[in-house]
Amino acid sequence: MNRKISGILLAVVLAGAGTLALVAYVRSAKEQAVAGEQRVEVYVLQSATPRGTSLADVRGAVERVEVPAKVRPDDAVTDLDELDEDLVAGVDLAAGEILLESRLIPAEDLSRAPVEEGLQELTVALEPERAVGGRLRAGDTVGVVLSFEPFDVQDGTGGDQAEQTPNMSHLTFHKITVTSVQSAADDGEAAPLGGEEGGDEEELERAPSNGLLVTLAVSSPQVEQIVFAAEFGHIWLTAENEAADESGTRVVTLGEVYGGATQP
């Protein structure tokens, strides 16, 4: 009899514990559902906004609306007044999308292109005529021509007499990414060259009169070769897009200029 009563009491206790657990689960699920339905404020684009648009103009293109908390992205902008004034749209923004902090970047970053993993950046100072007339922009790809005047070399006989190498030029590297282009401003500071879209077209078309600082994404061996050419030779850049033909290049000397050129 005692064993039977004990079994009944245990069953009652277990049933009560199960009921409490079920109630707690239902209550938690209800609270989560209610929280998900709570309305929070976000900013939604009312019109398409191009890359490079200033934060001031972005403010004029958005409207504050309420959405369920469960659909708000983690990096949604909730207060435009807390953002840095130098931010701009880093990508084209479409009408109807929620404004995200990740889509706003510092204005200076517009004039820079990403660097492929494993490469490093190297800046060379060039006159506009050596850099496609100064029309290069971040994200362009270029060919790199290294050109050298004669060097004194030993004649190989062990004597003191020196010989000279010929003048040489070679389109050495292809499709190198330009990460930034800067022009030396009149006050001596470096300023982005045509970094923002929608700028003054006439200004962009005018050839710069100052030297350019062109930054390239290159490998370690390329760094050494380009620096050597900058120190002891000359560097020219070509506008070389993806479809550019890389075949037929060779080290060009005086004889090659007059007798070895192939017709396209």
C-alpha atoms as a PDB file:
ATOM      1  CA  MET A   1       0.000   0.000   0.000  1.00  0.00           C
ATOM      2  CA  ASN A   2       2.793   2.412   0.958  1.00  0.00           C
ATOM      3  CA  ARG A   3       4.541   1.640  -2.336  1.00  0.00           C
ATOM      4  CA  LYS A   4       1.330   2.406  -4.257  1.00  0.00           C
ATOM      5  CA  ILE A   5       0.845   5.714  -2.465  1.00  0.00           C
ATOM      6  CA  SER A   6       4.475   6.651  -3.113  1.00  0.00           C
ATOM      7  CA  GLY A   7       4.015   5.927  -6.818  1.00  0.00           C
ATOM      8  CA  ILE A   8       0.917   8.089  -6.950  1.00  0.00           C
ATOM      9  CA  LEU A   9       2.674  10.965  -5.193  1.00  0.00           C
ATOM     10  CA  LEU A  10       5.666  10.699  -7.554  1.00  0.00           C
ATOM     11  CA  ALA A  11       3.368  10.774 -10.563  1.00  0.00           C
ATOM     12  CA  VAL A  12       1.621  13.872  -9.221  1.00  0.00           C
ATOM     13  CA  VAL A  13       4.964  15.598  -8.632  1.00  0.00           C
ATOM     14  CA  LEU A  14       6.212  14.750 -12.120  1.00  0.00           C
ATOM     15  CA  ALA A  15       2.978  15.919 -13.689  1.00  0.00           C
ATOM     16  CA  GLY A  16       3.210  19.196 -11.796  1.00  0.00           C
ATOM     17  CA  ALA A  17       6.811  19.726 -12.866  1.00  0.00           C
ATOM     18  CA  GLY A  18       5.900  19.004 -16.464  1.00  0.00           C
ATOM     19  CA  THR A  19       3.039  21.465 -16.323  1.00  0.00           C
ATOM     20  CA  LEU A  20       5.290  24.178 -14.904  1.00  0.00           C
ATOM     21  CA  ALA A  21       7.884  23.539 -17.615  1.00  0.00           C
ATOM     22  CA  LEU A  22       5.226  23.717 -20.309  1.00  0.00           C
ATOM     23  CA  VAL A  23       3.863  26.965 -18.903  1.00  0.00           C
ATOM     24  CA  ALA A  24       7.367  28.441 -18.778  1.00  0.00           C
ATOM     25  CA  TYR A  25       8.040  27.425 -22.386  1.00  0.00           C
ATOM     26  CA  VAL A  26       4.758  28.864 -23.638  1.00  0.00           C
ATOM     27  CA  ARG A  27       5.396  32.084 -21.746  1.00  0.00           C
ATOM     28  CA  SER A  28       8.931  32.389 -23.209  1.00  0.00           C
ATOM     29  CA  ALA A  29       7.702  31.722 -26.737  1.00  0.00           C
ATOM     30  CA  LYS A  30       4.967  34.309 -26.297  1.00  0.00           C
ATOM     31  CA  GLU A  31       7.428  36.892 -25.030  1.00  0.00           C
ATOM     32  CA  GLN A  32       9.726  36.264 -28.013  1.00  0.00           C
ATOM     33  CA  ALA A  33       6.820  36.544 -30.413  1.00  0.00           C
ATOM     34  CA  VAL A  34       5.679  39.795 -28.824  1.00  0.00           C
ATOM     35  CA  ALA A  35       9.223  41.150 -28.914  1.00  0.00           C
ATOM     36  CA  GLY A  36       9.479  40.272 -32.601  1.00  0.00           C
ATOM     37  CA  GLU A  37       6.301  42.185 -33.307  1.00  0.00           C
ATOM     38  CA  GLN A  38       7.477  45.295 -31.508  1.00  0.00           C
ATOM     39  CA  ARG A  39       7.896  48.214 -33.866  1.00  0.00           C
ATOM     40  CA  VAL A  40      11.274  49.923 -34.192  1.00  0.00           C
ATOM     41  CA  GLU A  41      12.345  52.898 -36.270  1.00  0.00           C
ATOM     42  CA  VAL A  42      14.654  52.657 -39.285  1.00  0.00           C
ATOM     43  CA  TYR A  43      15.439  54.835 -42.306  1.00  0.00           C
ATOM     44  CA  VAL A  44      14.198  53.713 -45.720  1.00  0.00           C
ATOM     45  CA  LEU A  45      15.396  55.136 -49.049  1.00  0.00           C
ATOM     46  CA  GLN A  46      12.600  56.927 -50.870  1.00  0.00           C
ATOM     47  CA  SER A  47      14.580  57.303 -54.091  1.00  0.00           C
ATOM     48  CA  ALA A  48      17.601  55.708 -55.734  1.00  0.00           C
ATOM     49  CA  THR A  49      20.808  57.256 -54.426  1.00  0.00           C
ATOM     50  CA  PRO A  50      24.080  56.856 -56.360  1.00  0.00           C
ATOM     51  CA  ARG A  51      27.432  55.897 -54.929  1.00  0.00           C
ATOM     52  CA  GLY A  52      29.309  58.904 -53.564  1.00  0.00           C
ATOM     53  CA  THR A  53      26.214  60.772 -52.348  1.00  0.00           C
ATOM     54  CA  SER A  54      27.034  62.848 -49.264  1.00  0.00           C
ATOM     55  CA  LEU A  55      25.417  62.116 -45.913  1.00  0.00           C
ATOM     56  CA  ALA A  56      23.570  65.442 -46.120  1.00  0.00           C
ATOM     57  CA  ASP A  57      21.926  64.344 -49.386  1.00  0.00           C
ATOM     58  CA  VAL A  58      21.270  60.858 -48.031  1.00  0.00           C
ATOM     59  CA  ARG A  59      19.323  62.464 -45.170  1.00  0.00           C
ATOM     60  CA  GLY A  60      17.093  64.117 -47.739  1.00  0.00           C
ATOM     61  CA  ALA A  61      16.475  60.838 -49.562  1.00  0.00           C
ATOM     62  CA  VAL A  62      15.331  58.744 -46.580  1.00  0.00           C
ATOM     63  CA  GLU A  63      12.205  58.599 -44.465  1.00  0.00           C
ATOM     64  CA  ARG A  64      11.914  57.295 -40.917  1.00  0.00           C
ATOM     65  CA  VAL A  65       9.484  54.397 -40.731  1.00  0.00           C
ATOM     66  CA  GLU A  66       8.566  51.709 -38.222  1.00  0.00           C
ATOM     67  CA  VAL A  67       9.163  48.030 -38.944  1.00  0.00           C
ATOM     68  CA  PRO A  68       8.884  44.864 -36.834  1.00  0.00           C
ATOM     69  CA  ALA A  69      12.005  44.425 -34.702  1.00  0.00           C
ATOM     70  CA  LYS A  70      12.569  40.950 -36.134  1.00  0.00           C
ATOM     71  CA  VAL A  71      13.117  42.278 -39.662  1.00  0.00           C
ATOM     72  CA  ARG A  72      15.470  45.145 -38.749  1.00  0.00           C
ATOM     73  CA  PRO A  73      19.086  44.374 -39.846  1.00  0.00           C
ATOM     74  CA  ASP A  74      21.676  44.487 -37.093  1.00  0.00           C
ATOM     75  CA  ASP A  75      23.542  47.392 -38.720  1.00  0.00           C
ATOM     76  CA  ALA A  76      20.487  49.441 -39.654  1.00  0.00           C
ATOM     77  CA  VAL A  77      20.951  53.171 -39.066  1.00  0.00           C
ATOM     78  CA  THR A  78      18.723  54.253 -36.184  1.00  0.00           C
ATOM     79  CA  ASP A  79      19.976  57.810 -35.698  1.00  0.00           C
ATOM     80  CA  LEU A  80      21.381  59.859 -38.578  1.00  0.00           C
ATOM     81  CA  ASP A  81      22.630  62.543 -36.194  1.00  0.00           C
ATOM     82  CA  GLU A  82      25.122  60.118 -34.642  1.00  0.00           C
ATOM     83  CA  LEU A  83      26.918  59.478 -37.961  1.00  0.00           C
ATOM     84  CA  ASP A  84      30.125  61.233 -39.026  1.00  0.00           C
ATOM     85  CA  GLU A  85      29.475  64.060 -41.455  1.00  0.00           C
ATOM     86  CA  ASP A  86      32.220  62.924 -43.852  1.00  0.00           C
ATOM     87  CA  LEU A  87      30.402  59.680 -44.693  1.00  0.00           C
ATOM     88  CA  VAL A  88      29.075  59.051 -48.192  1.00  0.00           C
ATOM     89  CA  ALA A  89      27.175  56.252 -49.893  1.00  0.00           C
ATOM     90  CA  GLY A  90      29.711  53.526 -50.610  1.00  0.00           C
ATOM     91  CA  VAL A  91      27.454  51.799 -53.160  1.00  0.00           C
ATOM     92  CA  ASP A  92      24.388  52.646 -55.221  1.00  0.00           C
ATOM     93  CA  LEU A  93      21.383  52.630 -52.874  1.00  0.00           C
ATOM     94  CA  ALA A  94      18.038  51.443 -54.215  1.00  0.00           C
ATOM     95  CA  ALA A  95      14.667  52.935 -53.367  1.00  0.00           C
ATOM     96  CA  GLY A  96      12.869  50.953 -50.675  1.00  0.00           C
ATOM     97  CA  GLU A  97      15.921  49.517 -48.952  1.00  0.00           C
ATOM     98  CA  ILE A  98      16.759  50.086 -45.308  1.00  0.00           C
ATOM     99  CA  LEU A  99      19.766  52.355 -44.796  1.00  0.00           C
ATOM    100  CA  LEU A 100      22.661  50.363 -43.319  1.00  0.00           C
ATOM    101  CA  GLU A 101      25.791  51.642 -41.609  1.00  0.00           C
ATOM    102  CA  SER A 102      27.872  49.205 -43.659  1.00  0.00           C
ATOM    103  CA  ARG A 103      26.839  51.027 -46.851  1.00  0.00           C
ATOM    104  CA  LEU A 104      28.213  54.353 -45.658  1.00  0.00           C
ATOM    105  CA  ILE A 105      31.964  54.902 -45.918  1.00  0.00           C
ATOM    106  CA  PRO A 106      34.410  57.806 -45.405  1.00  0.00           C
ATOM    107  CA  ALA A 107      34.558  60.031 -48.468  1.00  0.00           C
ATOM    108  CA  GLU A 108      38.308  59.455 -48.827  1.00  0.00           C
ATOM    109  CA  ASP A 109      37.710  55.722 -49.336  1.00  0.00           C
ATOM    110  CA  LEU A 110      35.864  56.412 -52.595  1.00  0.00           C
ATOM    111  CA  SER A 111      39.150  57.194 -54.279  1.00  0.00           C
ATOM    112  CA  ARG A 112      40.714  53.881 -53.237  1.00  0.00           C
ATOM    113  CA  ALA A 113      40.290  50.413 -54.667  1.00  0.00           C
ATOM    114  CA  PRO A 114      40.608  47.213 -52.615  1.00  0.00           C
ATOM    115  CA  VAL A 115      43.927  45.352 -52.606  1.00  0.00           C
ATOM    116  CA  GLU A 116      43.900  41.678 -53.543  1.00  0.00           C
ATOM    117  CA  GLU A 117      45.093  39.392 -50.762  1.00  0.00           C
ATOM    118  CA  GLY A 118      48.828  38.723 -50.951  1.00  0.00           C
ATOM    119  CA  LEU A 119      49.656  41.975 -52.765  1.00  0.00           C
ATOM    120  CA  GLN A 120      50.996  45.230 -51.381  1.00  0.00           C
ATOM    121  CA  GLU A 121      50.699  48.853 -52.426  1.00  0.00           C
ATOM    122  CA  LEU A 122      53.505  50.850 -54.012  1.00  0.00           C
ATOM    123  CA  THR A 123      53.328  54.509 -55.009  1.00  0.00           C
ATOM    124  CA  VAL A 124      55.275  55.942 -57.945  1.00  0.00           C
ATOM    125  CA  ALA A 125      55.575  59.616 -58.877  1.00  0.00           C
ATOM    126  CA  LEU A 126      54.863  60.186 -62.567  1.00  0.00           C
ATOM    127  CA  GLU A 127      54.300  63.051 -64.921  1.00  0.00           C
ATOM    128  CA  PRO A 128      50.803  63.022 -66.489  1.00  0.00           C
ATOM    129  CA  GLU A 129      52.122  61.990 -69.907  1.00  0.00           C
ATOM    130  CA  ARG A 130      53.595  58.854 -68.340  1.00  0.00           C
ATOM    131  CA  ALA A 131      50.270  57.977 -66.670  1.00  0.00           C
ATOM    132  CA  VAL A 132      47.728  58.073 -69.509  1.00  0.00           C
ATOM    133  CA  GLY A 133      47.477  61.861 -69.372  1.00  0.00           C
ATOM    134  CA  GLY A 134      46.415  61.794 -65.750  1.00  0.00           C
ATOM    135  CA  ARG A 135      43.115  60.090 -66.592  1.00  0.00           C
ATOM    136  CA  LEU A 136      43.713  57.044 -64.406  1.00  0.00           C
ATOM    137  CA  ARG A 137      41.262  56.330 -61.608  1.00  0.00           C
ATOM    138  CA  ALA A 138      41.176  53.941 -58.665  1.00  0.00           C
ATOM    139  CA  GLY A 139      40.115  50.507 -59.882  1.00  0.00           C
ATOM    140  CA  ASP A 140      41.649  50.870 -63.355  1.00  0.00           C
ATOM    141  CA  THR A 141      44.122  48.256 -64.541  1.00  0.00           C
ATOM    142  CA  VAL A 142      47.346  49.254 -66.244  1.00  0.00           C
ATOM    143  CA  GLY A 143      50.312  47.846 -68.060  1.00  0.00           C
ATOM    144  CA  VAL A 144      53.693  48.847 -66.633  1.00  0.00           C
ATOM    145  CA  VAL A 145      56.518  49.700 -69.033  1.00  0.00           C
ATOM    146  CA  LEU A 146      60.055  49.786 -67.600  1.00  0.00           C
ATOM    147  CA  SER A 147      62.601  51.695 -69.667  1.00  0.00           C
ATOM    148  CA  PHE A 148      66.353  52.084 -69.098  1.00  0.00           C
ATOM    149  CA  GLU A 149      69.166  54.121 -70.564  1.00  0.00           C
ATOM    150  CA  PRO A 150      72.575  52.420 -70.992  1.00  0.00           C
ATOM    151  CA  PHE A 151      74.331  50.990 -67.926  1.00  0.00           C
ATOM    152  CA  ASP A 152      78.071  50.502 -67.596  1.00  0.00           C
ATOM    153  CA  VAL A 153      78.933  46.800 -67.256  1.00  0.00           C
ATOM    154  CA  GLN A 154      82.203  44.871 -67.163  1.00  0.00           C
ATOM    155  CA  ASP A 155      83.295  43.378 -70.465  1.00  0.00           C
ATOM    156  CA  GLY A 156      83.713  39.934 -68.928  1.00  0.00           C
ATOM    157  CA  THR A 157      87.480  39.672 -69.572  1.00  0.00           C
ATOM    158  CA  GLY A 158      88.479  40.678 -66.065  1.00  0.00           C
ATOM    159  CA  GLY A 159      89.886  44.019 -67.150  1.00  0.00           C
ATOM    160  CA  ASP A 160      88.879  47.468 -66.143  1.00  0.00           C
ATOM    161  CA  GLN A 161      87.283  48.293 -69.464  1.00  0.00           C
ATOM    162  CA  ALA A 162      83.532  48.697 -69.239  1.00  0.00           C
ATOM    163  CA  GLU A 163      80.868  48.178 -71.844  1.00  0.00           C
ATOM    164  CA  GLN A 164      77.401  49.641 -71.970  1.00  0.00           C
ATOM    165  CA  THR A 165      74.058  47.970 -72.232  1.00  0.00           C
ATOM    166  CA  PRO A 166      71.715  49.187 -74.972  1.00  0.00           C
ATOM    167  CA  ASN A 167      68.734  51.408 -74.308  1.00  0.00           C
ATOM    168  CA  MET A 168      65.901  49.056 -73.350  1.00  0.00           C
ATOM    169  CA  SER A 169      62.153  49.201 -72.845  1.00  0.00           C
ATOM    170  CA  HIS A 170      59.721  46.433 -72.002  1.00  0.00           C
ATOM    171  CA  LEU A 171      56.027  46.180 -71.180  1.00  0.00           C
ATOM    172  CA  THR A 172      56.906  44.149 -68.118  1.00  0.00           C
ATOM    173  CA  PHE A 173      53.665  43.825 -66.128  1.00  0.00           C
ATOM    174  CA  HIS A 174      50.071  43.507 -67.229  1.00  0.00           C
ATOM    175  CA  LYS A 175      46.705  44.369 -65.720  1.00  0.00           C
ATOM    176  CA  ILE A 176      48.061  45.852 -62.502  1.00  0.00           C
ATOM    177  CA  THR A 177      45.312  47.391 -60.355  1.00  0.00           C
ATOM    178  CA  VAL A 178      45.506  51.101 -59.564  1.00  0.00           C
ATOM    179  CA  THR A 179      44.377  51.564 -55.965  1.00  0.00           C
ATOM    180  CA  SER A 180      44.539  55.360 -55.861  1.00  0.00           C
ATOM    181  CA  VAL A 181      45.618  58.384 -57.879  1.00  0.00           C
ATOM    182  CA  GLN A 182      46.584  61.698 -56.333  1.00  0.00           C
ATOM    183  CA  SER A 183      47.662  64.989 -57.818  1.00  0.00           C
ATOM    184  CA  ALA A 184      50.004  67.397 -56.059  1.00  0.00           C
ATOM    185  CA  ALA A 185      47.811  70.405 -55.289  1.00  0.00           C
ATOM    186  CA  ASP A 186      49.016  73.980 -55.527  1.00  0.00           C
ATOM    187  CA  ASP A 187      49.533  74.140 -51.766  1.00  0.00           C
ATOM    188  CA  GLY A 188      51.808  71.131 -51.910  1.00  0.00           C
ATOM    189  CA  GLU A 189      49.288  68.741 -50.404  1.00  0.00           C
ATOM    190  CA  ALA A 190      48.087  65.593 -52.133  1.00  0.00           C
ATOM    191  CA  ALA A 191      44.471  65.651 -53.248  1.00  0.00           C
ATOM    192  CA  PRO A 192      42.302  62.852 -54.741  1.00  0.00           C
ATOM    193  CA  LEU A 193      42.074  63.100 -58.516  1.00  0.00           C
ATOM    194  CA  GLY A 194      38.497  62.697 -59.708  1.00  0.00           C
ATOM    195  CA  GLY A 195      37.587  60.372 -56.854  1.00  0.00           C
ATOM    196  CA  GLU A 196      33.908  61.242 -56.587  1.00  0.00           C
ATOM    197  CA  GLU A 197      31.386  60.418 -59.263  1.00  0.00           C
ATOM    198  CA  GLY A 198      29.208  63.166 -60.599  1.00  0.00           C
ATOM    199  CA  GLY A 199      31.998  65.724 -60.426  1.00  0.00           C
ATOM    200  CA  ASP A 200      32.642  68.559 -62.856  1.00  0.00           C
ATOM    201  CA  GLU A 201      33.100  66.823 -66.223  1.00  0.00           C
ATOM    202  CA  GLU A 202      35.056  69.737 -67.665  1.00  0.00           C
ATOM    203  CA  GLU A 203      37.428  69.593 -64.702  1.00  0.00           C
ATOM    204  CA  LEU A 204      38.043  65.880 -65.207  1.00  0.00           C
ATOM    205  CA  GLU A 205      38.730  66.317 -68.920  1.00  0.00           C
ATOM    206  CA  ARG A 206      41.405  68.957 -68.353  1.00  0.00           C
ATOM    207  CA  ALA A 207      44.882  67.442 -68.242  1.00  0.00           C
ATOM    208  CA  PRO A 208      46.561  67.986 -64.856  1.00  0.00           C
ATOM    209  CA  SER A 209      49.625  70.218 -64.801  1.00  0.00           C
ATOM    210  CA  ASN A 210      51.084  68.699 -61.625  1.00  0.00           C
ATOM    211  CA  GLY A 211      52.841  65.415 -61.117  1.00  0.00           C
ATOM    212  CA  LEU A 212      50.788  62.385 -60.120  1.00  0.00           C
ATOM    213  CA  LEU A 213      51.167  59.890 -57.296  1.00  0.00           C
ATOM    214  CA  VAL A 214      49.892  56.584 -58.642  1.00  0.00           C
ATOM    215  CA  THR A 215      49.544  53.699 -56.193  1.00  0.00           C
ATOM    216  CA  LEU A 216      49.641  50.162 -57.590  1.00  0.00           C
ATOM    217  CA  ALA A 217      48.788  46.772 -56.076  1.00  0.00           C
ATOM    218  CA  VAL A 218      51.800  44.565 -56.818  1.00  0.00           C
ATOM    219  CA  SER A 219      53.612  41.458 -55.645  1.00  0.00           C
ATOM    220  CA  SER A 220      56.915  41.513 -53.780  1.00  0.00           C
ATOM    221  CA  PRO A 221      59.076  40.743 -56.877  1.00  0.00           C
ATOM    222  CA  GLN A 222      57.227  43.441 -58.810  1.00  0.00           C
ATOM    223  CA  VAL A 223      57.960  45.932 -56.026  1.00  0.00           C
ATOM    224  CA  GLU A 224      61.696  45.385 -56.475  1.00  0.00           C
ATOM    225  CA  GLN A 225      61.571  45.749 -60.263  1.00  0.00           C
ATOM    226  CA  ILE A 226      59.414  48.860 -60.228  1.00  0.00           C
ATOM    227  CA  VAL A 227      61.513  50.542 -57.530  1.00  0.00           C
ATOM    228  CA  PHE A 228      64.682  49.784 -59.497  1.00  0.00           C
ATOM    229  CA  ALA A 229      63.134  51.389 -62.576  1.00  0.00           C
ATOM    230  CA  ALA A 230      62.026  54.410 -60.533  1.00  0.00           C
ATOM    231  CA  GLU A 231      65.560  54.835 -59.181  1.00  0.00           C
ATOM    232  CA  PHE A 232      67.587  54.143 -62.315  1.00  0.00           C
ATOM    233  CA  GLY A 233      65.215  54.278 -65.276  1.00  0.00           C
ATOM    234  CA  HIS A 234      61.761  55.395 -66.304  1.00  0.00           C
ATOM    235  CA  ILE A 235      58.217  54.097 -65.822  1.00  0.00           C
ATOM    236  CA  TRP A 236      55.279  54.453 -68.171  1.00  0.00           C
ATOM    237  CA  LEU A 237      51.739  53.211 -67.574  1.00  0.00           C
ATOM    238  CA  THR A 238      49.203  52.118 -70.164  1.00  0.00           C
ATOM    239  CA  ALA A 239      45.437  51.864 -69.763  1.00  0.00           C
ATOM    240  CA  GLU A 240      45.122  48.093 -70.058  1.00  0.00           C
ATOM    241  CA  ASN A 241      41.650  46.630 -69.619  1.00  0.00           C
ATOM    242  CA  GLU A 242      40.686  42.968 -69.293  1.00  0.00           C
ATOM    243  CA  ALA A 243      40.378  42.471 -73.047  1.00  0.00           C
ATOM    244  CA  ALA A 244      43.821  43.926 -73.844  1.00  0.00           C
ATOM    245  CA  ASP A 245      46.082  41.530 -75.753  1.00  0.00           C
ATOM    246  CA  GLU A 246      49.313  40.794 -73.865  1.00  0.00           C
ATOM    247  CA  SER A 247      51.020  38.810 -76.600  1.00  0.00           C
ATOM    248  CA  GLY A 248      53.991  39.898 -78.717  1.00  0.00           C
ATOM    249  CA  THR A 249      55.866  41.911 -76.097  1.00  0.00           C
ATOM    250  CA  ARG A 250      59.657  41.697 -75.819  1.00  0.00           C
ATOM    251  CA  VAL A 251      62.614  43.733 -74.626  1.00  0.00           C
ATOM    252  CA  VAL A 252      62.929  46.505 -77.202  1.00  0.00           C
ATOM    253  CA  THR A 253      66.280  48.016 -78.168  1.00  0.00           C
ATOM    254  CA  LEU A 254      67.153  50.388 -81.002  1.00  0.00           C
ATOM    255  CA  GLY A 255      67.361  47.523 -83.467  1.00  0.00           C
ATOM    256  CA  GLU A 256      63.944  46.250 -82.425  1.00  0.00           C
ATOM    257  CA  VAL A 257      62.383  49.679 -82.848  1.00  0.00           C
ATOM    258  CA  TYR A 258      63.364  49.860 -86.542  1.00  0.00           C
ATOM    259  CA  GLY A 259      63.389  46.253 -87.532  1.00  0.00           C
ATOM    260  CA  GLY A 260      61.531  44.039 -85.085  1.00  0.00           C
ATOM    261  CA  ALA A 261      58.123  45.625 -84.695  1.00  0.00           C
ATOM    262  CA  THR A 262      55.170  43.511 -85.787  1.00  0.00           C
ATOM    263  CA  GLN A 263      52.124  44.999 -87.436  1.00  0.00           C
ATOM    264  CA  PRO A 264      48.796  44.632 -85.562  1.00  0.00           C
END
